[in-house]
Each structure stands twice: as C-alpha cells, then as structure tokens.
N, C-alpha and C. Protein backbone atom coordinates (compact mmCIF):
# COMPACT_ATOMS: atom_id res chain seq x y z
N MET A 1 -40.00 5.19 -21.77
CA MET A 1 -38.97 4.97 -20.76
C MET A 1 -39.34 5.75 -19.51
N GLN A 2 -39.26 5.08 -18.37
CA GLN A 2 -39.56 5.77 -17.12
C GLN A 2 -38.38 6.63 -16.72
N ARG A 3 -38.69 7.74 -16.09
CA ARG A 3 -37.66 8.67 -15.64
C ARG A 3 -37.68 8.76 -14.13
N GLY A 4 -36.48 8.92 -13.55
CA GLY A 4 -36.37 9.10 -12.11
C GLY A 4 -36.69 10.54 -11.74
N ALA A 5 -36.59 10.83 -10.46
CA ALA A 5 -36.91 12.16 -9.93
C ALA A 5 -36.04 13.25 -10.55
N ASN A 6 -34.79 12.91 -10.90
CA ASN A 6 -33.89 13.91 -11.47
C ASN A 6 -33.96 13.97 -12.99
N GLY A 7 -34.88 13.25 -13.60
CA GLY A 7 -35.04 13.27 -15.05
C GLY A 7 -34.20 12.24 -15.79
N SER A 8 -33.30 11.56 -15.07
CA SER A 8 -32.48 10.55 -15.73
C SER A 8 -33.29 9.25 -15.84
N PRO A 9 -32.87 8.34 -16.72
CA PRO A 9 -33.60 7.08 -16.84
C PRO A 9 -33.66 6.36 -15.49
N ALA A 10 -34.83 5.84 -15.16
CA ALA A 10 -35.00 5.12 -13.90
C ALA A 10 -34.26 3.79 -13.99
N ARG A 11 -33.63 3.41 -12.90
CA ARG A 11 -32.95 2.11 -12.87
C ARG A 11 -33.97 1.03 -12.57
N THR A 12 -33.86 -0.04 -13.28
CA THR A 12 -34.78 -1.15 -13.02
C THR A 12 -34.08 -2.16 -12.13
N GLN A 13 -34.79 -2.68 -11.20
CA GLN A 13 -34.28 -3.68 -10.28
C GLN A 13 -35.06 -4.97 -10.51
N PRO A 14 -34.38 -6.10 -10.41
CA PRO A 14 -35.13 -7.35 -10.48
C PRO A 14 -36.21 -7.36 -9.40
N SER A 15 -37.34 -7.98 -9.69
CA SER A 15 -38.44 -7.96 -8.72
C SER A 15 -38.07 -8.69 -7.43
N THR A 16 -37.29 -9.73 -7.53
CA THR A 16 -36.85 -10.42 -6.33
C THR A 16 -35.36 -10.70 -6.44
N VAL A 17 -34.64 -10.30 -5.44
CA VAL A 17 -33.21 -10.55 -5.38
C VAL A 17 -32.97 -11.40 -4.15
N HIS A 18 -32.26 -12.47 -4.33
CA HIS A 18 -31.98 -13.38 -3.22
C HIS A 18 -31.21 -12.64 -2.13
N PRO A 19 -31.52 -12.93 -0.86
CA PRO A 19 -30.81 -12.27 0.25
C PRO A 19 -29.29 -12.43 0.17
N ALA A 20 -28.81 -13.55 -0.36
CA ALA A 20 -27.35 -13.73 -0.50
C ALA A 20 -26.78 -12.71 -1.48
N THR A 21 -27.54 -12.38 -2.52
CA THR A 21 -27.08 -11.38 -3.49
C THR A 21 -27.05 -10.00 -2.85
N VAL A 22 -28.03 -9.71 -2.02
CA VAL A 22 -28.06 -8.43 -1.30
C VAL A 22 -26.86 -8.35 -0.36
N LEU A 23 -26.57 -9.43 0.35
CA LEU A 23 -25.42 -9.45 1.25
C LEU A 23 -24.11 -9.33 0.49
N LEU A 24 -24.02 -9.94 -0.67
CA LEU A 24 -22.82 -9.82 -1.48
C LEU A 24 -22.60 -8.36 -1.88
N ARG A 25 -23.67 -7.66 -2.26
CA ARG A 25 -23.57 -6.23 -2.59
C ARG A 25 -23.10 -5.44 -1.37
N GLU A 26 -23.61 -5.80 -0.18
CA GLU A 26 -23.17 -5.11 1.04
C GLU A 26 -21.69 -5.37 1.30
N ILE A 27 -21.24 -6.59 1.06
CA ILE A 27 -19.82 -6.91 1.25
C ILE A 27 -18.97 -6.09 0.28
N LEU A 28 -19.41 -5.95 -0.95
CA LEU A 28 -18.67 -5.14 -1.92
C LEU A 28 -18.60 -3.68 -1.45
N ASN A 29 -19.71 -3.16 -0.95
CA ASN A 29 -19.71 -1.79 -0.42
C ASN A 29 -18.79 -1.66 0.79
N LEU A 30 -18.84 -2.64 1.68
CA LEU A 30 -17.97 -2.61 2.86
C LEU A 30 -16.50 -2.73 2.47
N THR A 31 -16.22 -3.49 1.42
CA THR A 31 -14.85 -3.59 0.92
C THR A 31 -14.36 -2.23 0.46
N ASP A 32 -15.21 -1.50 -0.26
CA ASP A 32 -14.85 -0.14 -0.68
C ASP A 32 -14.57 0.74 0.53
N GLU A 33 -15.44 0.66 1.54
CA GLU A 33 -15.25 1.46 2.75
C GLU A 33 -13.96 1.07 3.47
N PHE A 34 -13.67 -0.24 3.52
CA PHE A 34 -12.46 -0.70 4.20
C PHE A 34 -11.22 -0.20 3.46
N GLU A 35 -11.26 -0.26 2.12
CA GLU A 35 -10.12 0.22 1.35
C GLU A 35 -9.92 1.72 1.55
N ALA A 36 -11.00 2.47 1.65
CA ALA A 36 -10.89 3.91 1.94
C ALA A 36 -10.24 4.11 3.32
N HIS A 37 -10.65 3.29 4.29
CA HIS A 37 -10.07 3.35 5.63
C HIS A 37 -8.57 3.03 5.59
N LEU A 38 -8.21 1.96 4.86
CA LEU A 38 -6.80 1.57 4.76
C LEU A 38 -6.00 2.68 4.08
N GLY A 39 -6.55 3.27 3.02
CA GLY A 39 -5.88 4.37 2.36
C GLY A 39 -5.66 5.54 3.30
N SER A 40 -6.65 5.81 4.13
CA SER A 40 -6.54 6.89 5.11
C SER A 40 -5.46 6.57 6.14
N GLU A 41 -5.42 5.32 6.58
CA GLU A 41 -4.39 4.90 7.54
C GLU A 41 -2.99 5.08 6.96
N LEU A 42 -2.86 4.83 5.66
CA LEU A 42 -1.55 4.92 5.01
C LEU A 42 -1.32 6.28 4.37
N THR A 43 -2.30 7.17 4.48
CA THR A 43 -2.27 8.51 3.88
C THR A 43 -1.99 8.48 2.38
N VAL A 44 -2.75 7.63 1.68
CA VAL A 44 -2.64 7.55 0.22
C VAL A 44 -4.04 7.54 -0.40
N ASN A 45 -4.12 7.92 -1.67
CA ASN A 45 -5.39 7.86 -2.38
C ASN A 45 -5.61 6.43 -2.89
N ARG A 46 -6.75 6.20 -3.53
CA ARG A 46 -7.10 4.83 -3.97
C ARG A 46 -6.12 4.27 -5.00
N THR A 47 -5.69 5.10 -5.93
CA THR A 47 -4.75 4.61 -6.95
C THR A 47 -3.42 4.22 -6.31
N ASP A 48 -2.94 5.07 -5.39
CA ASP A 48 -1.68 4.76 -4.71
C ASP A 48 -1.83 3.52 -3.84
N LEU A 49 -2.99 3.36 -3.22
CA LEU A 49 -3.25 2.17 -2.42
C LEU A 49 -3.24 0.92 -3.30
N GLU A 50 -3.85 1.01 -4.47
CA GLU A 50 -3.84 -0.13 -5.39
C GLU A 50 -2.40 -0.49 -5.79
N ALA A 51 -1.58 0.52 -6.01
CA ALA A 51 -0.17 0.26 -6.32
C ALA A 51 0.51 -0.44 -5.15
N MET A 52 0.26 0.05 -3.94
CA MET A 52 0.84 -0.59 -2.75
C MET A 52 0.37 -2.04 -2.63
N GLU A 53 -0.93 -2.28 -2.85
CA GLU A 53 -1.46 -3.64 -2.77
C GLU A 53 -0.75 -4.56 -3.75
N ARG A 54 -0.53 -4.07 -4.98
CA ARG A 54 0.16 -4.88 -5.99
C ARG A 54 1.59 -5.19 -5.58
N LEU A 55 2.27 -4.20 -5.02
CA LEU A 55 3.65 -4.41 -4.59
C LEU A 55 3.72 -5.34 -3.39
N ILE A 56 2.76 -5.24 -2.49
CA ILE A 56 2.74 -6.13 -1.33
C ILE A 56 2.47 -7.56 -1.78
N GLN A 57 1.53 -7.75 -2.70
CA GLN A 57 1.16 -9.09 -3.16
C GLN A 57 2.22 -9.71 -4.07
N ASN A 58 2.81 -8.89 -4.96
CA ASN A 58 3.69 -9.42 -6.00
C ASN A 58 5.16 -9.15 -5.78
N GLY A 59 5.49 -8.34 -4.78
CA GLY A 59 6.88 -7.99 -4.55
C GLY A 59 7.32 -6.86 -5.47
N PRO A 60 8.60 -6.51 -5.42
CA PRO A 60 9.11 -5.42 -6.24
C PRO A 60 8.79 -5.62 -7.72
N GLN A 61 8.49 -4.50 -8.38
CA GLN A 61 8.16 -4.54 -9.80
C GLN A 61 8.82 -3.37 -10.51
N SER A 62 9.04 -3.55 -11.80
CA SER A 62 9.51 -2.42 -12.60
C SER A 62 8.35 -1.44 -12.75
N PRO A 63 8.65 -0.19 -13.00
CA PRO A 63 7.56 0.77 -13.23
C PRO A 63 6.63 0.33 -14.38
N THR A 64 7.18 -0.29 -15.40
CA THR A 64 6.35 -0.75 -16.53
C THR A 64 5.41 -1.87 -16.09
N GLN A 65 5.92 -2.81 -15.30
CA GLN A 65 5.06 -3.89 -14.78
C GLN A 65 3.95 -3.30 -13.92
N LEU A 66 4.30 -2.37 -13.06
CA LEU A 66 3.32 -1.74 -12.18
C LEU A 66 2.28 -0.99 -13.01
N ALA A 67 2.72 -0.28 -14.03
CA ALA A 67 1.80 0.46 -14.90
C ALA A 67 0.80 -0.49 -15.55
N ARG A 68 1.30 -1.61 -16.07
CA ARG A 68 0.39 -2.60 -16.69
C ARG A 68 -0.62 -3.12 -15.69
N GLY A 69 -0.16 -3.45 -14.50
CA GLY A 69 -1.05 -3.98 -13.47
C GLY A 69 -2.11 -2.99 -13.03
N LEU A 70 -1.75 -1.72 -13.04
CA LEU A 70 -2.68 -0.68 -12.62
C LEU A 70 -3.55 -0.18 -13.77
N GLY A 71 -3.17 -0.52 -14.99
CA GLY A 71 -3.90 -0.02 -16.15
C GLY A 71 -3.67 1.46 -16.38
N LEU A 72 -2.45 1.92 -16.03
CA LEU A 72 -2.09 3.32 -16.19
C LEU A 72 -0.95 3.46 -17.19
N THR A 73 -0.76 4.66 -17.67
CA THR A 73 0.41 4.93 -18.50
C THR A 73 1.65 4.91 -17.61
N THR A 74 2.81 4.78 -18.22
CA THR A 74 4.03 4.81 -17.42
C THR A 74 4.24 6.20 -16.81
N ALA A 75 3.81 7.25 -17.51
CA ALA A 75 3.93 8.60 -16.96
C ALA A 75 3.07 8.75 -15.71
N ALA A 76 1.83 8.25 -15.77
CA ALA A 76 0.94 8.33 -14.60
C ALA A 76 1.50 7.49 -13.46
N THR A 77 2.08 6.35 -13.80
CA THR A 77 2.65 5.48 -12.77
C THR A 77 3.87 6.13 -12.12
N THR A 78 4.63 6.87 -12.89
CA THR A 78 5.76 7.62 -12.32
C THR A 78 5.26 8.58 -11.25
N THR A 79 4.13 9.23 -11.52
CA THR A 79 3.54 10.16 -10.55
C THR A 79 3.11 9.40 -9.29
N VAL A 80 2.49 8.23 -9.48
CA VAL A 80 2.07 7.40 -8.34
C VAL A 80 3.29 7.02 -7.51
N VAL A 81 4.34 6.54 -8.17
CA VAL A 81 5.55 6.12 -7.45
C VAL A 81 6.18 7.30 -6.73
N ASP A 82 6.22 8.45 -7.39
CA ASP A 82 6.78 9.65 -6.73
C ASP A 82 6.00 9.99 -5.45
N ARG A 83 4.66 9.89 -5.51
CA ARG A 83 3.86 10.17 -4.32
C ARG A 83 4.14 9.15 -3.22
N LEU A 84 4.26 7.87 -3.60
CA LEU A 84 4.53 6.82 -2.61
C LEU A 84 5.92 6.99 -1.99
N ILE A 85 6.88 7.43 -2.79
CA ILE A 85 8.22 7.71 -2.25
C ILE A 85 8.14 8.87 -1.26
N ALA A 86 7.38 9.90 -1.62
CA ALA A 86 7.28 11.10 -0.77
C ALA A 86 6.75 10.79 0.62
N VAL A 87 5.86 9.79 0.73
CA VAL A 87 5.32 9.43 2.05
C VAL A 87 6.03 8.23 2.66
N GLY A 88 7.10 7.77 2.00
CA GLY A 88 7.95 6.72 2.58
C GLY A 88 7.47 5.30 2.38
N HIS A 89 6.53 5.07 1.47
CA HIS A 89 5.99 3.71 1.30
C HIS A 89 6.80 2.84 0.34
N VAL A 90 7.54 3.46 -0.59
CA VAL A 90 8.33 2.69 -1.55
C VAL A 90 9.65 3.40 -1.80
N THR A 91 10.56 2.65 -2.41
CA THR A 91 11.81 3.23 -2.90
C THR A 91 12.03 2.72 -4.32
N ARG A 92 12.83 3.46 -5.07
CA ARG A 92 13.31 2.97 -6.37
C ARG A 92 14.70 2.40 -6.12
N GLN A 93 14.92 1.18 -6.60
CA GLN A 93 16.22 0.55 -6.42
C GLN A 93 16.68 0.00 -7.76
N PRO A 94 18.00 -0.06 -7.96
CA PRO A 94 18.50 -0.62 -9.23
C PRO A 94 18.04 -2.07 -9.40
N HIS A 95 17.69 -2.42 -10.62
CA HIS A 95 17.30 -3.80 -10.93
C HIS A 95 18.54 -4.68 -10.78
N PRO A 96 18.42 -5.83 -10.11
CA PRO A 96 19.61 -6.65 -9.85
C PRO A 96 20.22 -7.30 -11.10
N THR A 97 19.44 -7.47 -12.17
CA THR A 97 19.98 -8.14 -13.36
C THR A 97 19.96 -7.27 -14.62
N ASP A 98 19.35 -6.09 -14.54
CA ASP A 98 19.28 -5.19 -15.69
C ASP A 98 19.87 -3.86 -15.25
N ARG A 99 21.11 -3.59 -15.65
CA ARG A 99 21.80 -2.40 -15.12
C ARG A 99 21.11 -1.09 -15.47
N ARG A 100 20.26 -1.09 -16.49
CA ARG A 100 19.52 0.13 -16.84
C ARG A 100 18.15 0.17 -16.16
N GLY A 101 17.73 -0.94 -15.58
CA GLY A 101 16.39 -1.04 -15.01
C GLY A 101 16.31 -0.60 -13.56
N VAL A 102 15.07 -0.34 -13.16
CA VAL A 102 14.77 0.09 -11.80
C VAL A 102 13.61 -0.75 -11.29
N LEU A 103 13.61 -1.02 -10.00
CA LEU A 103 12.48 -1.69 -9.37
C LEU A 103 11.86 -0.77 -8.34
N VAL A 104 10.54 -0.84 -8.23
CA VAL A 104 9.81 -0.14 -7.18
C VAL A 104 9.65 -1.15 -6.05
N VAL A 105 10.19 -0.82 -4.89
CA VAL A 105 10.26 -1.76 -3.77
C VAL A 105 9.46 -1.21 -2.59
N PRO A 106 8.50 -2.01 -2.07
CA PRO A 106 7.74 -1.53 -0.91
C PRO A 106 8.61 -1.46 0.34
N ASN A 107 8.39 -0.45 1.14
CA ASN A 107 9.09 -0.27 2.40
C ASN A 107 8.54 -1.30 3.39
N PRO A 108 9.41 -2.12 4.01
CA PRO A 108 8.92 -3.13 4.96
C PRO A 108 8.07 -2.56 6.09
N ASP A 109 8.40 -1.36 6.56
CA ASP A 109 7.59 -0.74 7.62
C ASP A 109 6.18 -0.42 7.12
N SER A 110 6.08 0.02 5.88
CA SER A 110 4.76 0.31 5.30
C SER A 110 3.96 -0.97 5.09
N VAL A 111 4.65 -2.02 4.66
CA VAL A 111 3.98 -3.31 4.49
C VAL A 111 3.45 -3.78 5.84
N ALA A 112 4.27 -3.66 6.88
CA ALA A 112 3.84 -4.08 8.23
C ALA A 112 2.66 -3.25 8.70
N ARG A 113 2.68 -1.95 8.40
CA ARG A 113 1.56 -1.08 8.79
C ARG A 113 0.28 -1.49 8.08
N ALA A 114 0.38 -1.75 6.77
CA ALA A 114 -0.79 -2.18 6.01
C ALA A 114 -1.31 -3.52 6.52
N MET A 115 -0.39 -4.45 6.75
CA MET A 115 -0.80 -5.77 7.22
C MET A 115 -1.39 -5.71 8.62
N GLY A 116 -0.95 -4.76 9.42
CA GLY A 116 -1.52 -4.58 10.76
C GLY A 116 -2.99 -4.20 10.70
N THR A 117 -3.38 -3.51 9.64
CA THR A 117 -4.78 -3.16 9.45
C THR A 117 -5.53 -4.29 8.75
N LEU A 118 -4.88 -4.95 7.80
CA LEU A 118 -5.52 -6.00 7.01
C LEU A 118 -5.71 -7.32 7.77
N MET A 119 -4.71 -7.72 8.52
CA MET A 119 -4.74 -9.07 9.11
C MET A 119 -5.92 -9.32 10.06
N PRO A 120 -6.32 -8.37 10.90
CA PRO A 120 -7.49 -8.66 11.73
C PRO A 120 -8.74 -8.95 10.89
N MET A 121 -8.89 -8.24 9.76
CA MET A 121 -10.03 -8.51 8.90
C MET A 121 -9.89 -9.89 8.24
N ILE A 122 -8.70 -10.19 7.72
CA ILE A 122 -8.48 -11.47 7.04
C ILE A 122 -8.69 -12.63 8.00
N THR A 123 -8.12 -12.54 9.20
CA THR A 123 -8.28 -13.65 10.15
C THR A 123 -9.73 -13.73 10.65
N GLY A 124 -10.40 -12.58 10.76
CA GLY A 124 -11.81 -12.60 11.15
C GLY A 124 -12.69 -13.29 10.11
N ILE A 125 -12.42 -13.00 8.83
CA ILE A 125 -13.18 -13.65 7.76
C ILE A 125 -12.89 -15.14 7.75
N ASP A 126 -11.61 -15.50 7.90
CA ASP A 126 -11.26 -16.91 7.92
C ASP A 126 -11.89 -17.61 9.12
N SER A 127 -11.96 -16.93 10.23
CA SER A 127 -12.58 -17.49 11.43
C SER A 127 -14.08 -17.69 11.23
N ALA A 128 -14.70 -16.76 10.50
CA ALA A 128 -16.15 -16.86 10.27
C ALA A 128 -16.52 -18.16 9.57
N ILE A 129 -15.72 -18.60 8.62
CA ILE A 129 -16.06 -19.83 7.89
C ILE A 129 -15.78 -21.07 8.72
N SER A 130 -14.91 -20.95 9.73
CA SER A 130 -14.60 -22.12 10.54
C SER A 130 -15.80 -22.56 11.38
N GLY A 131 -16.81 -21.71 11.50
CA GLY A 131 -18.01 -22.07 12.25
C GLY A 131 -18.97 -22.96 11.47
N PHE A 132 -18.63 -23.28 10.24
CA PHE A 132 -19.46 -24.14 9.41
C PHE A 132 -18.82 -25.51 9.28
N ASP A 133 -19.65 -26.53 9.09
CA ASP A 133 -19.08 -27.86 8.90
C ASP A 133 -18.52 -27.97 7.47
N GLU A 134 -17.82 -29.06 7.19
CA GLU A 134 -17.13 -29.22 5.91
C GLU A 134 -18.08 -29.13 4.72
N ALA A 135 -19.25 -29.74 4.82
CA ALA A 135 -20.21 -29.69 3.71
C ALA A 135 -20.68 -28.25 3.47
N GLU A 136 -20.93 -27.52 4.55
CA GLU A 136 -21.35 -26.11 4.40
C GLU A 136 -20.23 -25.27 3.80
N ARG A 137 -18.99 -25.50 4.26
CA ARG A 137 -17.85 -24.77 3.70
C ARG A 137 -17.70 -25.06 2.22
N SER A 138 -17.92 -26.30 1.82
CA SER A 138 -17.84 -26.66 0.40
C SER A 138 -18.92 -25.93 -0.40
N THR A 139 -20.12 -25.84 0.15
CA THR A 139 -21.22 -25.13 -0.52
C THR A 139 -20.91 -23.64 -0.63
N ILE A 140 -20.41 -23.06 0.44
CA ILE A 140 -20.05 -21.63 0.42
C ILE A 140 -18.97 -21.38 -0.61
N THR A 141 -17.97 -22.24 -0.62
CA THR A 141 -16.87 -22.10 -1.58
C THR A 141 -17.38 -22.25 -3.01
N ALA A 142 -18.28 -23.20 -3.24
CA ALA A 142 -18.84 -23.38 -4.58
C ALA A 142 -19.63 -22.14 -5.01
N TYR A 143 -20.41 -21.58 -4.09
CA TYR A 143 -21.19 -20.38 -4.40
C TYR A 143 -20.26 -19.21 -4.74
N LEU A 144 -19.25 -18.98 -3.90
CA LEU A 144 -18.35 -17.86 -4.15
C LEU A 144 -17.54 -18.06 -5.43
N THR A 145 -17.20 -19.31 -5.75
CA THR A 145 -16.51 -19.59 -7.01
C THR A 145 -17.42 -19.24 -8.18
N ALA A 146 -18.69 -19.61 -8.09
CA ALA A 146 -19.64 -19.29 -9.17
C ALA A 146 -19.82 -17.78 -9.31
N VAL A 147 -19.87 -17.06 -8.18
CA VAL A 147 -19.99 -15.59 -8.23
C VAL A 147 -18.76 -14.99 -8.90
N ALA A 148 -17.57 -15.46 -8.52
CA ALA A 148 -16.34 -14.96 -9.14
C ALA A 148 -16.34 -15.24 -10.63
N ASP A 149 -16.83 -16.41 -11.03
CA ASP A 149 -16.92 -16.75 -12.46
C ASP A 149 -17.86 -15.80 -13.19
N VAL A 150 -18.98 -15.43 -12.56
CA VAL A 150 -19.92 -14.48 -13.18
C VAL A 150 -19.23 -13.13 -13.38
N TYR A 151 -18.51 -12.68 -12.36
CA TYR A 151 -17.77 -11.41 -12.49
C TYR A 151 -16.78 -11.49 -13.64
N ARG A 152 -15.98 -12.57 -13.67
CA ARG A 152 -14.98 -12.72 -14.73
C ARG A 152 -15.63 -12.71 -16.11
N ALA A 153 -16.78 -13.35 -16.23
CA ALA A 153 -17.46 -13.43 -17.53
C ALA A 153 -17.95 -12.06 -17.99
N GLN A 154 -18.16 -11.14 -17.06
CA GLN A 154 -18.65 -9.80 -17.43
C GLN A 154 -17.53 -8.84 -17.78
N LEU A 155 -16.30 -9.24 -17.55
CA LEU A 155 -15.17 -8.38 -17.85
C LEU A 155 -14.71 -8.60 -19.28
N PRO A 156 -14.24 -7.54 -19.93
CA PRO A 156 -13.71 -7.73 -21.28
C PRO A 156 -12.44 -8.56 -21.23
N GLY A 157 -12.21 -9.29 -22.29
CA GLY A 157 -10.98 -10.09 -22.37
C GLY A 157 -9.80 -9.17 -22.59
N PRO A 158 -8.59 -9.72 -22.59
CA PRO A 158 -7.41 -8.90 -22.83
C PRO A 158 -7.49 -8.24 -24.21
N ALA A 159 -7.00 -7.02 -24.27
CA ALA A 159 -7.01 -6.30 -25.55
C ALA A 159 -6.14 -7.04 -26.55
N GLU A 160 -6.66 -7.14 -27.76
CA GLU A 160 -5.88 -7.81 -28.81
C GLU A 160 -5.12 -6.76 -29.59
N ASP A 161 -3.88 -7.06 -29.90
CA ASP A 161 -3.05 -6.12 -30.66
C ASP A 161 -3.26 -6.28 -32.14
C-alpha cells in the first residue's frame, strides 16, 4: 500500500476525470462555502442553519419532526431550537390541533433575511440555464438527474426497525 507524505494511506484518483465531474466537485465545494457565508450572515452554525433551512422549506414543525429531519436526538434538537430562539430566528408556539404539542416556527424576518441572500444565487443559477436552447437544457437536466441518482444510490436506505 502506498503511503502519503504524512504516513496515511495515499488516496487514489482515477487516471482521467471528466471536466464536468471536476466542475461538479467545485460546485459542491462552493455550495459548502456559500452555506458557511449564509450561516455567518444569520449568525448561526451549520447545524442551526440546516434546521432553519428545513423550517423555511417545510414550514413549522414539531421538535420531533425537526429532530428526525436533522438526524439528531430530541435533546440535541432542543439545544438547536434554544439557540435559534436566542438569536430571534424561531419561536415555539402551541400546536393548533394538539394541546400538548409545540411547533417550532421560523421568524418571518429571519426567513426574509435568508431569502435575501439565497435568491440572487437561485435566480442567477436559473438565469444561467436560460442561455441554452431546449435540447441543451434537456441534456443538462438529464445529466444532473443521473448525478443525483448516483448520489442517492450511494446513501444507505432508511434504517429498518
């Protein structure tokens, strides 16, 4: 086995990687950087940002639903919600149909702040594809669908009880 400079196993790279694959890796890295920027704008860490993203996309959720979506324990999610409340991004409100339940509700001002940072990127990406004709857009969409399918295939299935 070959070893790297630090003594750990050397990583092997395919001898030729298509430029589209290299660009996809760059997009993934830029996505990480953008999320770090968005978290900084909202003064939250990555876990709290992921919670905010889920609440923005899915609307108010119970702490248990949020915990499942984040892959965290309910205790850890309580800590996340407490931090988000402390910086004004969410509130806990009584569940409208379950008198014992609570919902975590995103603050509309925080949603607007997040969307103010997100929308220029989203509209820019959407604008980028408009420069291609319909056949090219179909090819791009087919490629990205295949890439997403490869990612999904590499993820473990839902845990069986």
